[in-house]
PDB file of N, CA and C in Angstrom:
ATOM      1  N   GLN A   1     195.774 108.630  89.566  1.00  0.00           N
ATOM      2  CA  GLN A   1     195.595 107.527  90.480  1.00  0.00           C
ATOM      3  C   GLN A   1     195.730 107.952  91.929  1.00  0.00           C
ATOM      4  N   ASP A   2     196.410 109.031  92.180  1.00  0.00           N
ATOM      5  CA  ASP A   2     196.558 109.501  93.541  1.00  0.00           C
ATOM      6  C   ASP A   2     195.416 110.430  93.900  1.00  0.00           C
ATOM      7  N   ARG A   3     194.222 109.986  93.674  1.00  0.00           N
ATOM      8  CA  ARG A   3     193.047 110.772  94.006  1.00  0.00           C
ATOM      9  C   ARG A   3     192.764 110.616  95.489  1.00  0.00           C
ATOM     10  N   PRO A   4     192.249 111.656  96.119  1.00  0.00           N
ATOM     11  CA  PRO A   4     191.892 111.504  97.528  1.00  0.00           C
ATOM     12  C   PRO A   4     190.744 110.525  97.661  1.00  0.00           C
ATOM     13  N   ALA A   5     190.746 109.838  98.773  1.00  0.00           N
ATOM     14  CA  ALA A   5     189.646 108.907  99.033  1.00  0.00           C
ATOM     15  C   ALA A   5     188.358 109.701  99.100  1.00  0.00           C
ATOM     16  N   ARG A   6     187.270 109.045  98.826  1.00  0.00           N
ATOM     17  CA  ARG A   6     185.978 109.714  98.819  1.00  0.00           C
ATOM     18  C   ARG A   6     185.734 110.403 100.145  1.00  0.00           C
ATOM     19  N   SER A   7     186.177 109.780 101.247  1.00  0.00           N
ATOM     20  CA  SER A   7     185.971 110.376 102.558  1.00  0.00           C
ATOM     21  C   SER A   7     186.834 111.615 102.729  1.00  0.00           C
ATOM     22  N   ASP A   8     187.938 111.740 101.975  1.00  0.00           N
ATOM     23  CA  ASP A   8     188.810 112.894 102.056  1.00  0.00           C
ATOM     24  C   ASP A   8     188.329 114.025 101.154  1.00  0.00           C
ATOM     25  N   SER A   9     187.348 113.780 100.328  1.00  0.00           N
ATOM     26  CA  SER A   9     186.919 114.779  99.355  1.00  0.00           C
ATOM     27  C   SER A   9     186.076 115.876  99.989  1.00  0.00           C
ATOM     28  N   GLY A  10     185.723 115.729 101.252  1.00  0.00           N
ATOM     29  CA  GLY A  10     184.890 116.716 101.902  1.00  0.00           C
ATOM     30  C   GLY A  10     183.413 116.484 101.668  1.00  0.00           C
ATOM     31  N   GLU A  11     183.092 115.457 100.940  1.00  0.00           N
ATOM     32  CA  GLU A  11     181.692 115.163 100.626  1.00  0.00           C
ATOM     33  C   GLU A  11     181.245 114.033 101.552  1.00  0.00           C
ATOM     34  N   SER A  12     180.256 114.330 102.376  1.00  0.00           N
ATOM     35  CA  SER A  12     179.779 113.325 103.313  1.00  0.00           C
ATOM     36  C   SER A  12     178.882 112.323 102.595  1.00  0.00           C
ATOM     37  N   SER A  13     178.639 111.215 103.257  1.00  0.00           N
ATOM     38  CA  SER A  13     177.768 110.212 102.652  1.00  0.00           C
ATOM     39  C   SER A  13     176.361 110.766 102.452  1.00  0.00           C
ATOM     40  N   SER A  14     175.913 111.642 103.341  1.00  0.00           N
ATOM     41  CA  SER A  14     174.586 112.220 103.163  1.00  0.00           C
ATOM     42  C   SER A  14     174.553 113.160 101.954  1.00  0.00           C
ATOM     43  N   GLU A  15     175.674 113.851 101.703  1.00  0.00           N
ATOM     44  CA  GLU A  15     175.728 114.707 100.510  1.00  0.00           C
ATOM     45  C   GLU A  15     175.727 113.864  99.246  1.00  0.00           C
ATOM     46  N   ARG A  16     176.481 112.736  99.266  1.00  0.00           N
ATOM     47  CA  ARG A  16     176.487 111.844  98.102  1.00  0.00           C
ATOM     48  C   ARG A  16     175.096 111.269  97.884  1.00  0.00           C
ATOM     49  N   LEU A  17     174.428 110.905  98.973  1.00  0.00           N
ATOM     50  CA  LEU A  17     173.074 110.362  98.867  1.00  0.00           C
ATOM     51  C   LEU A  17     172.123 111.415  98.307  1.00  0.00           C
ATOM     52  N   ALA A  18     172.252 112.649  98.759  1.00  0.00           N
ATOM     53  CA  ALA A  18     171.398 113.727  98.256  1.00  0.00           C
ATOM     54  C   ALA A  18     171.652 113.952  96.771  1.00  0.00           C
ATOM     55  N   THR A  19     172.918 113.922  96.366  1.00  0.00           N
ATOM     56  CA  THR A  19     173.254 114.085  94.952  1.00  0.00           C
ATOM     57  C   THR A  19     172.664 112.955  94.140  1.00  0.00           C
ATOM     58  N   ARG A  20     172.838 111.726  94.635  1.00  0.00           N
ATOM     59  CA  ARG A  20     172.305 110.557  93.940  1.00  0.00           C
ATOM     60  C   ARG A  20     170.788 110.646  93.849  1.00  0.00           C
ATOM     61  N   SER A  21     170.150 111.078  94.943  1.00  0.00           N
ATOM     62  CA  SER A  21     168.691 111.202  94.946  1.00  0.00           C
ATOM     63  C   SER A  21     168.232 112.236  93.934  1.00  0.00           C
ATOM     64  N   SER A  22     168.967 113.352  93.836  1.00  0.00           N
ATOM     65  CA  SER A  22     168.555 114.380  92.884  1.00  0.00           C
ATOM     66  C   SER A  22     168.729 113.889  91.457  1.00  0.00           C
ATOM     67  N   VAL A  23     169.762 113.094  91.204  1.00  0.00           N
ATOM     68  CA  VAL A  23     169.949 112.527  89.863  1.00  0.00           C
ATOM     69  C   VAL A  23     168.784 111.606  89.537  1.00  0.00           C
ATOM     70  N   TYR A  24     168.419 110.757  90.481  1.00  0.00           N
ATOM     71  CA  TYR A  24     167.301 109.849  90.259  1.00  0.00           C
ATOM     72  C   TYR A  24     165.994 110.621  90.095  1.00  0.00           C
ATOM     73  N   SER A  25     165.814 111.675  90.889  1.00  0.00           N
ATOM     74  CA  SER A  25     164.594 112.470  90.796  1.00  0.00           C
ATOM     75  C   SER A  25     164.475 113.136  89.431  1.00  0.00           C
ATOM     76  N   ARG A  26     165.594 113.686  88.942  1.00  0.00           N
ATOM     77  CA  ARG A  26     165.561 114.315  87.615  1.00  0.00           C
ATOM     78  C   ARG A  26     165.244 113.284  86.549  1.00  0.00           C
ATOM     79  N   ARG A  27     165.867 112.106  86.653  1.00  0.00           N
ATOM     80  CA  ARG A  27     165.619 111.052  85.673  1.00  0.00           C
ATOM     81  C   ARG A  27     164.154 110.637  85.707  1.00  0.00           C
ATOM     82  N   GLU A  28     163.622 110.459  86.920  1.00  0.00           N
ATOM     83  CA  GLU A  28     162.223 110.053  87.044  1.00  0.00           C
ATOM     84  C   GLU A  28     161.293 111.121  86.480  1.00  0.00           C
ATOM     85  N   ALA A  29     161.579 112.390  86.759  1.00  0.00           N
ATOM     86  CA  ALA A  29     160.756 113.473  86.231  1.00  0.00           C
ATOM     87  C   ALA A  29     160.818 113.496  84.707  1.00  0.00           C
ATOM     88  N   ARG A  30     162.008 113.261  84.171  1.00  0.00           N
ATOM     89  CA  ARG A  30     162.149 113.246  82.716  1.00  0.00           C
ATOM     90  C   ARG A  30     161.355 112.095  82.115  1.00  0.00           C
ATOM     91  N   LEU A  31     161.459 110.928  82.727  1.00  0.00           N
ATOM     92  CA  LEU A  31     160.711 109.770  82.221  1.00  0.00           C
ATOM     93  C   LEU A  31     159.206 109.982  82.347  1.00  0.00           C
ATOM     94  N   ASN A  32     158.771 110.572  83.448  1.00  0.00           N
ATOM     95  CA  ASN A  32     157.349 110.865  83.613  1.00  0.00           C
ATOM     96  C   ASN A  32     156.862 111.850  82.567  1.00  0.00           C
ATOM     97  N   SER A  33     157.691 112.835  82.262  1.00  0.00           N
ATOM     98  CA  SER A  33     157.266 113.818  81.264  1.00  0.00           C
ATOM     99  C   SER A  33     157.174 113.184  79.884  1.00  0.00           C
ATOM    100  N   LEU A  34     157.999 112.178  79.630  1.00  0.00           N
ATOM    101  CA  LEU A  34     157.931 111.496  78.338  1.00  0.00           C
ATOM    102  C   LEU A  34     156.680 110.638  78.219  1.00  0.00           C
ATOM    103  N   SER A  35     156.224 110.096  79.338  1.00  0.00           N
ATOM    104  CA  SER A  35     155.077 109.194  79.280  1.00  0.00           C
ATOM    105  C   SER A  35     153.741 109.940  79.330  1.00  0.00           C
ATOM    106  N   LYS A  36     153.752 111.223  79.697  1.00  0.00           N
ATOM    107  CA  LYS A  36     152.507 111.989  79.764  1.00  0.00           C
ATOM    108  C   LYS A  36     152.126 112.479  78.372  1.00  0.00           C
ATOM    109  N   PRO A  37     150.871 112.295  78.003  1.00  0.00           N
ATOM    110  CA  PRO A  37     150.453 112.828  76.701  1.00  0.00           C
ATOM    111  C   PRO A  37     150.393 114.350  76.762  1.00  0.00           C
ATOM    112  N   GLU A  38     150.868 114.956  75.730  1.00  0.00           N
ATOM    113  CA  GLU A  38     150.805 116.411  75.654  1.00  0.00           C
ATOM    114  C   GLU A  38     150.050 116.802  74.401  1.00  0.00           C
ATOM    115  N   GLU A  39     149.416 117.982  74.477  1.00  0.00           N
ATOM    116  CA  GLU A  39     148.651 118.430  73.326  1.00  0.00           C
ATOM    117  C   GLU A  39     149.543 118.696  72.128  1.00  0.00           C
ATOM    118  N   ASP A  40     150.700 119.253  72.391  1.00  0.00           N
ATOM    119  CA  ASP A  40     151.593 119.619  71.296  1.00  0.00           C
ATOM    120  C   ASP A  40     152.878 118.802  71.397  1.00  0.00           C
ATOM    121  N   ALA A  41     152.918 117.674  70.714  1.00  0.00           N
ATOM    122  CA  ALA A  41     154.082 116.799  70.775  1.00  0.00           C
ATOM    123  C   ALA A  41     155.320 117.463  70.214  1.00  0.00           C
ATOM    124  N   SER A  42     155.131 118.425  69.325  1.00  0.00           N
ATOM    125  CA  SER A  42     156.291 119.096  68.734  1.00  0.00           C
ATOM    126  C   SER A  42     156.975 120.022  69.735  1.00  0.00           C
ATOM    127  N   SER A  43     156.341 120.297  70.856  1.00  0.00           N
ATOM    128  CA  SER A  43     156.951 121.184  71.845  1.00  0.00           C
ATOM    129  C   SER A  43     158.083 120.507  72.606  1.00  0.00           C
ATOM    130  N   LYS A  44     158.155 119.202  72.532  1.00  0.00           N
ATOM    131  CA  LYS A  44     159.231 118.484  73.219  1.00  0.00           C
ATOM    132  C   LYS A  44     160.511 118.601  72.412  1.00  0.00           C
ATOM    133  N   ASP A  45     161.561 118.844  73.107  1.00  0.00           N
ATOM    134  CA  ASP A  45     162.839 118.961  72.443  1.00  0.00           C
ATOM    135  C   ASP A  45     163.603 117.656  72.684  1.00  0.00           C
ATOM    136  N   TYR A  46     163.352 116.677  71.836  1.00  0.00           N
ATOM    137  CA  TYR A  46     163.964 115.365  72.020  1.00  0.00           C
ATOM    138  C   TYR A  46     165.475 115.417  71.909  1.00  0.00           C
ATOM    139  N   LYS A  47     165.973 116.293  71.071  1.00  0.00           N
ATOM    140  CA  LYS A  47     167.426 116.421  70.925  1.00  0.00           C
ATOM    141  C   LYS A  47     168.034 116.872  72.251  1.00  0.00           C
ATOM    142  N   LYS A  48     167.392 117.836  72.904  1.00  0.00           N
ATOM    143  CA  LYS A  48     167.881 118.330  74.199  1.00  0.00           C
ATOM    144  C   LYS A  48     167.815 117.218  75.242  1.00  0.00           C
ATOM    145  N   LEU A  49     166.716 116.481  75.281  1.00  0.00           N
ATOM    146  CA  LEU A  49     166.597 115.372  76.225  1.00  0.00           C
ATOM    147  C   LEU A  49     167.690 114.332  75.985  1.00  0.00           C
ATOM    148  N   TYR A  50     167.937 114.029  74.733  1.00  0.00           N
ATOM    149  CA  TYR A  50     168.966 113.054  74.370  1.00  0.00           C
ATOM    150  C   TYR A  50     170.342 113.552  74.799  1.00  0.00           C
ATOM    151  N   ASP A  51     170.638 114.818  74.499  1.00  0.00           N
ATOM    152  CA  ASP A  51     171.928 115.382  74.878  1.00  0.00           C
ATOM    153  C   ASP A  51     172.101 115.391  76.398  1.00  0.00           C
ATOM    154  N   ASP A  52     171.032 115.750  77.111  1.00  0.00           N
ATOM    155  CA  ASP A  52     171.088 115.737  78.574  1.00  0.00           C
ATOM    156  C   ASP A  52     171.361 114.329  79.099  1.00  0.00           C
ATOM    157  N   ALA A  53     170.715 113.349  78.503  1.00  0.00           N
ATOM    158  CA  ALA A  53     170.921 111.959  78.921  1.00  0.00           C
ATOM    159  C   ALA A  53     172.359 111.529  78.649  1.00  0.00           C
ATOM    160  N   LEU A  54     172.911 111.936  77.518  1.00  0.00           N
ATOM    161  CA  LEU A  54     174.311 111.602  77.210  1.00  0.00           C
ATOM    162  C   LEU A  54     175.267 112.215  78.221  1.00  0.00           C
ATOM    163  N   VAL A  55     175.037 113.471  78.566  1.00  0.00           N
ATOM    164  CA  VAL A  55     175.889 114.146  79.546  1.00  0.00           C
ATOM    165  C   VAL A  55     175.798 113.445  80.893  1.00  0.00           C
ATOM    166  N   GLU A  56     174.590 113.137  81.293  1.00  0.00           N
ATOM    167  CA  GLU A  56     174.392 112.447  82.575  1.00  0.00           C
ATOM    168  C   GLU A  56     175.066 111.077  82.564  1.00  0.00           C
ATOM    169  N   ASN A  57     174.933 110.350  81.464  1.00  0.00           N
ATOM    170  CA  ASN A  57     175.575 109.038  81.357  1.00  0.00           C
ATOM    171  C   ASN A  57     177.090 109.146  81.448  1.00  0.00           C
ATOM    172  N   GLU A  58     177.666 110.159  80.818  1.00  0.00           N
ATOM    173  CA  GLU A  58     179.115 110.346  80.881  1.00  0.00           C
ATOM    174  C   GLU A  58     179.563 110.658  82.310  1.00  0.00           C
ATOM    175  N   LYS A  59     178.794 111.487  83.009  1.00  0.00           N
ATOM    176  CA  LYS A  59     179.123 111.789  84.402  1.00  0.00           C
ATOM    177  C   LYS A  59     179.059 110.525  85.248  1.00  0.00           C
ATOM    178  N   LEU A  60     178.025 109.725  85.032  1.00  0.00           N
ATOM    179  CA  LEU A  60     177.875 108.485  85.795  1.00  0.00           C
ATOM    180  C   LEU A  60     178.998 107.508  85.469  1.00  0.00           C
ATOM    181  N   LYS A  61     179.388 107.432  84.204  1.00  0.00           N
ATOM    182  CA  LYS A  61     180.509 106.558  83.823  1.00  0.00           C
ATOM    183  C   LYS A  61     181.791 107.008  84.502  1.00  0.00           C
ATOM    184  N   ALA A  62     182.018 108.310  84.562  1.00  0.00           N
ATOM    185  CA  ALA A  62     183.217 108.837  85.214  1.00  0.00           C
ATOM    186  C   ALA A  62     183.208 108.503  86.702  1.00  0.00           C
ATOM    187  N   ARG A  63     182.060 108.669  87.343  1.00  0.00           N
ATOM    188  CA  ARG A  63     181.965 108.338  88.774  1.00  0.00           C
ATOM    189  C   ARG A  63     182.168 106.844  89.000  1.00  0.00           C
ATOM    190  N   LEU A  64     181.627 106.021  88.096  1.00  0.00           N
ATOM    191  CA  LEU A  64     181.809 104.579  88.207  1.00  0.00           C
ATOM    192  C   LEU A  64     183.289 104.223  88.079  1.00  0.00           C
ATOM    193  N   GLU A  65     183.969 104.833  87.133  1.00  0.00           N
ATOM    194  CA  GLU A  65     185.396 104.562  86.944  1.00  0.00           C
ATOM    195  C   GLU A  65     186.190 104.985  88.178  1.00  0.00           C
ATOM    196  N   GLU A  66     185.865 106.149  88.739  1.00  0.00           N
ATOM    197  CA  GLU A  66     186.527 106.600  89.967  1.00  0.00           C
ATOM    198  C   GLU A  66     186.288 105.598  91.102  1.00  0.00           C
ATOM    199  N   SER A  67     185.074 105.105  91.204  1.00  0.00           N
ATOM    200  CA  SER A  67     184.742 104.136  92.251  1.00  0.00           C
ATOM    201  C   SER A  67     185.505 102.835  92.054  1.00  0.00           C
ATOM    202  N   LYS A  68     185.634 102.407  90.792  1.00  0.00           N
ATOM    203  CA  LYS A  68     186.402 101.191  90.513  1.00  0.00           C
ATOM    204  C   LYS A  68     187.869 101.369  90.895  1.00  0.00           C
ATOM    205  N   GLN A  69     188.428 102.534  90.586  1.00  0.00           N
ATOM    206  CA  GLN A  69     189.816 102.803  90.938  1.00  0.00           C
ATOM    207  C   GLN A  69     189.994 102.848  92.453  1.00  0.00           C
ATOM    208  N   GLU A  70     189.040 103.470  93.129  1.00  0.00           N
ATOM    209  CA  GLU A  70     189.103 103.530  94.595  1.00  0.00           C
ATOM    210  C   GLU A  70     189.001 102.127  95.194  1.00  0.00           C
ATOM    211  N   LEU A  71     188.118 101.304  94.670  1.00  0.00           N
ATOM    212  CA  LEU A  71     187.973  99.934  95.143  1.00  0.00           C
ATOM    213  C   LEU A  71     189.270  99.157  94.937  1.00  0.00           C
ATOM    214  N   SER A  72     189.885  99.320  93.797  1.00  0.00           N
ATOM    215  CA  SER A  72     191.143  98.645  93.502  1.00  0.00           C
ATOM    216  C   SER A  72     192.230  99.089  94.485  1.00  0.00           C
ATOM    217  N   ARG A  73     192.294 100.386  94.748  1.00  0.00           N
ATOM    218  CA  ARG A  73     193.292 100.917  95.686  1.00  0.00           C
ATOM    219  C   ARG A  73     193.056 100.360  97.092  1.00  0.00           C
ATOM    220  N   ILE A  74     191.811 100.314  97.517  1.00  0.00           N
ATOM    221  CA  ILE A  74     191.487  99.824  98.860  1.00  0.00           C
ATOM    222  C   ILE A  74     191.785  98.330  98.962  1.00  0.00           C
ATOM    223  N   ARG A  75     191.472  97.569  97.912  1.00  0.00           N
ATOM    224  CA  ARG A  75     191.792  96.136  97.928  1.00  0.00           C
ATOM    225  C   ARG A  75     193.283  95.913  98.040  1.00  0.00           C
ATOM    226  N   SER A  76     194.062  96.722  97.325  1.00  0.00           N
ATOM    227  CA  SER A  76     195.517  96.613  97.382  1.00  0.00           C
ATOM    228  C   SER A  76     196.018  96.908  98.795  1.00  0.00           C
ATOM    229  N   GLN A  77     195.487  97.947  99.407  1.00  0.00           N
ATOM    230  CA  GLN A  77     195.860  98.278 100.784  1.00  0.00           C
ATOM    231  C   GLN A  77     195.494  97.141 101.731  1.00  0.00           C
ATOM    232  N   LEU A  78     194.320  96.567 101.534  1.00  0.00           N
ATOM    233  CA  LEU A  78     193.876  95.468 102.382  1.00  0.00           C
ATOM    234  C   LEU A  78     194.786  94.252 102.227  1.00  0.00           C
ATOM    235  N   ASP A  79     195.180  93.955 100.991  1.00  0.00           N
ATOM    236  CA  ASP A  79     196.095  92.838 100.759  1.00  0.00           C
ATOM    237  C   ASP A  79     197.426  93.065 101.468  1.00  0.00           C
ATOM    238  N   ARG A  80     197.965  94.279 101.352  1.00  0.00           N
ATOM    239  CA  ARG A  80     199.243  94.578 102.023  1.00  0.00           C
ATOM    240  C   ARG A  80     199.093  94.461 103.532  1.00  0.00           C
ATOM    241  N   LEU A  81     198.007  94.982 104.068  1.00  0.00           N
ATOM    242  CA  LEU A  81     197.768  94.924 105.503  1.00  0.00           C
ATOM    243  C   LEU A  81     197.628  93.477 105.971  1.00  0.00           C
ATOM    244  N   THR A  82     196.941  92.663 105.183  1.00  0.00           N
ATOM    245  CA  THR A  82     196.776  91.251 105.523  1.00  0.00           C
ATOM    246  C   THR A  82     198.131  90.546 105.547  1.00  0.00           C
ATOM    247  N   GLN A  83     198.987  90.835 104.578  1.00  0.00           N
ATOM    248  CA  GLN A  83     200.312  90.223 104.531  1.00  0.00           C
ATOM    249  C   GLN A  83     201.147  90.626 105.744  1.00  0.00           C
ATOM    250  N   VAL A  84     201.131  91.896 106.083  1.00  0.00           N
ATOM    251  CA  VAL A  84     201.896  92.380 107.234  1.00  0.00           C
ATOM    252  C   VAL A  84     201.366  91.750 108.514  1.00  0.00           C
ATOM    253  N   THR A  85     200.049  91.704 108.660  1.00  0.00           N
ATOM    254  CA  THR A  85     199.445  91.124 109.860  1.00  0.00           C
ATOM    255  C   THR A  85     199.800  89.641 109.982  1.00  0.00           C
ATOM    256  N   THR A  86     199.762  88.926 108.872  1.00  0.00           N
ATOM    257  CA  THR A  86     200.108  87.509 108.882  1.00  0.00           C
ATOM    258  C   THR A  86     201.567  87.303 109.298  1.00  0.00           C
ATOM    259  N   LYS A  87     202.457  88.110 108.761  1.00  0.00           N
ATOM    260  CA  LYS A  87     203.879  88.000 109.121  1.00  0.00           C
ATOM    261  C   LYS A  87     204.088  88.302 110.596  1.00  0.00           C
ATOM    262  N   LEU A  88     203.427  89.343 111.091  1.00  0.00           N
ATOM    263  CA  LEU A  88     203.556  89.680 112.511  1.00  0.00           C
ATOM    264  C   LEU A  88     203.033  88.544 113.386  1.00  0.00           C
ATOM    265  N   TRP A  89     201.921  87.968 113.004  1.00  0.00           N
ATOM    266  CA  TRP A  89     201.338  86.875 113.775  1.00  0.00           C
ATOM    267  C   TRP A  89     202.276  85.674 113.771  1.00  0.00           C
ATOM    268  N   GLU A  90     202.835  85.341 112.607  1.00  0.00           N
ATOM    269  CA  GLU A  90     203.768  84.214 112.517  1.00  0.00           C
ATOM    270  C   GLU A  90     205.007  84.468 113.360  1.00  0.00           C
ATOM    271  N   ASN A  91     205.534  85.694 113.324  1.00  0.00           N
ATOM    272  CA  ASN A  91     206.707  86.027 114.139  1.00  0.00           C
ATOM    273  C   ASN A  91     206.368  85.944 115.622  1.00  0.00           C
ATOM    274  N   ASN A  92     205.191  86.364 115.984  1.00  0.00           N
ATOM    275  CA  ASN A  92     204.752  86.320 117.364  1.00  0.00           C
ATOM    276  C   ASN A  92     204.636  84.859 117.835  1.00  0.00           C
ATOM    277  N   GLN A  93     204.110  84.003 116.986  1.00  0.00           N
ATOM    278  CA  GLN A  93     203.985  82.593 117.325  1.00  0.00           C
ATOM    279  C   GLN A  93     205.363  81.950 117.508  1.00  0.00           C
ATOM    280  N   THR A  94     206.308  82.338 116.663  1.00  0.00           N
ATOM    281  CA  THR A  94     207.673  81.797 116.749  1.00  0.00           C
ATOM    282  C   THR A  94     208.315  82.219 118.069  1.00  0.00           C
ATOM    283  N   CYS A  95     208.091  83.438 118.518  1.00  0.00           N
ATOM    284  CA  CYS A  95     208.652  83.906 119.775  1.00  0.00           C
ATOM    285  C   CYS A  95     208.108  83.124 120.966  1.00  0.00           C
ATOM    286  N   PHE A  96     206.824  82.790 120.931  1.00  0.00           N
ATOM    287  CA  PHE A  96     206.214  82.053 122.028  1.00  0.00           C
ATOM    288  C   PHE A  96     206.644  80.591 122.040  1.00  0.00           C
ATOM    289  N   GLU A  97     206.995  80.052 120.906  1.00  0.00           N
ATOM    290  CA  GLU A  97     207.432  78.651 120.834  1.00  0.00           C
ATOM    291  C   GLU A  97     208.834  78.473 121.383  1.00  0.00           C
ATOM    292  N   SER A  98     209.638  79.518 121.364  1.00  0.00           N
ATOM    293  CA  SER A  98     211.037  79.420 121.812  1.00  0.00           C
ATOM    294  C   SER A  98     211.157  79.384 123.308  1.00  0.00           C
TER     295      SER A  98
END
């Protein structure tokens, strides 16, 4: 749970976007290759394609889980910050009323 924030990981948003784009590009290329008729249908290794898809899905699930945990952590921080800010504001108002 004490994972560094995504911004602390050293990976910039452009690097994440490039990674995401390459994942989408590979998926699109794979789907295009499946839809193209080939002379020798037996040359396709469906088991390999299936295994690759499973691996990719597991990686995506792991990234999704990390993102959910990060979102939860950030929401918790925001809630604490909101509570502190509200208390400070209320104390400040009380000082001005006196």
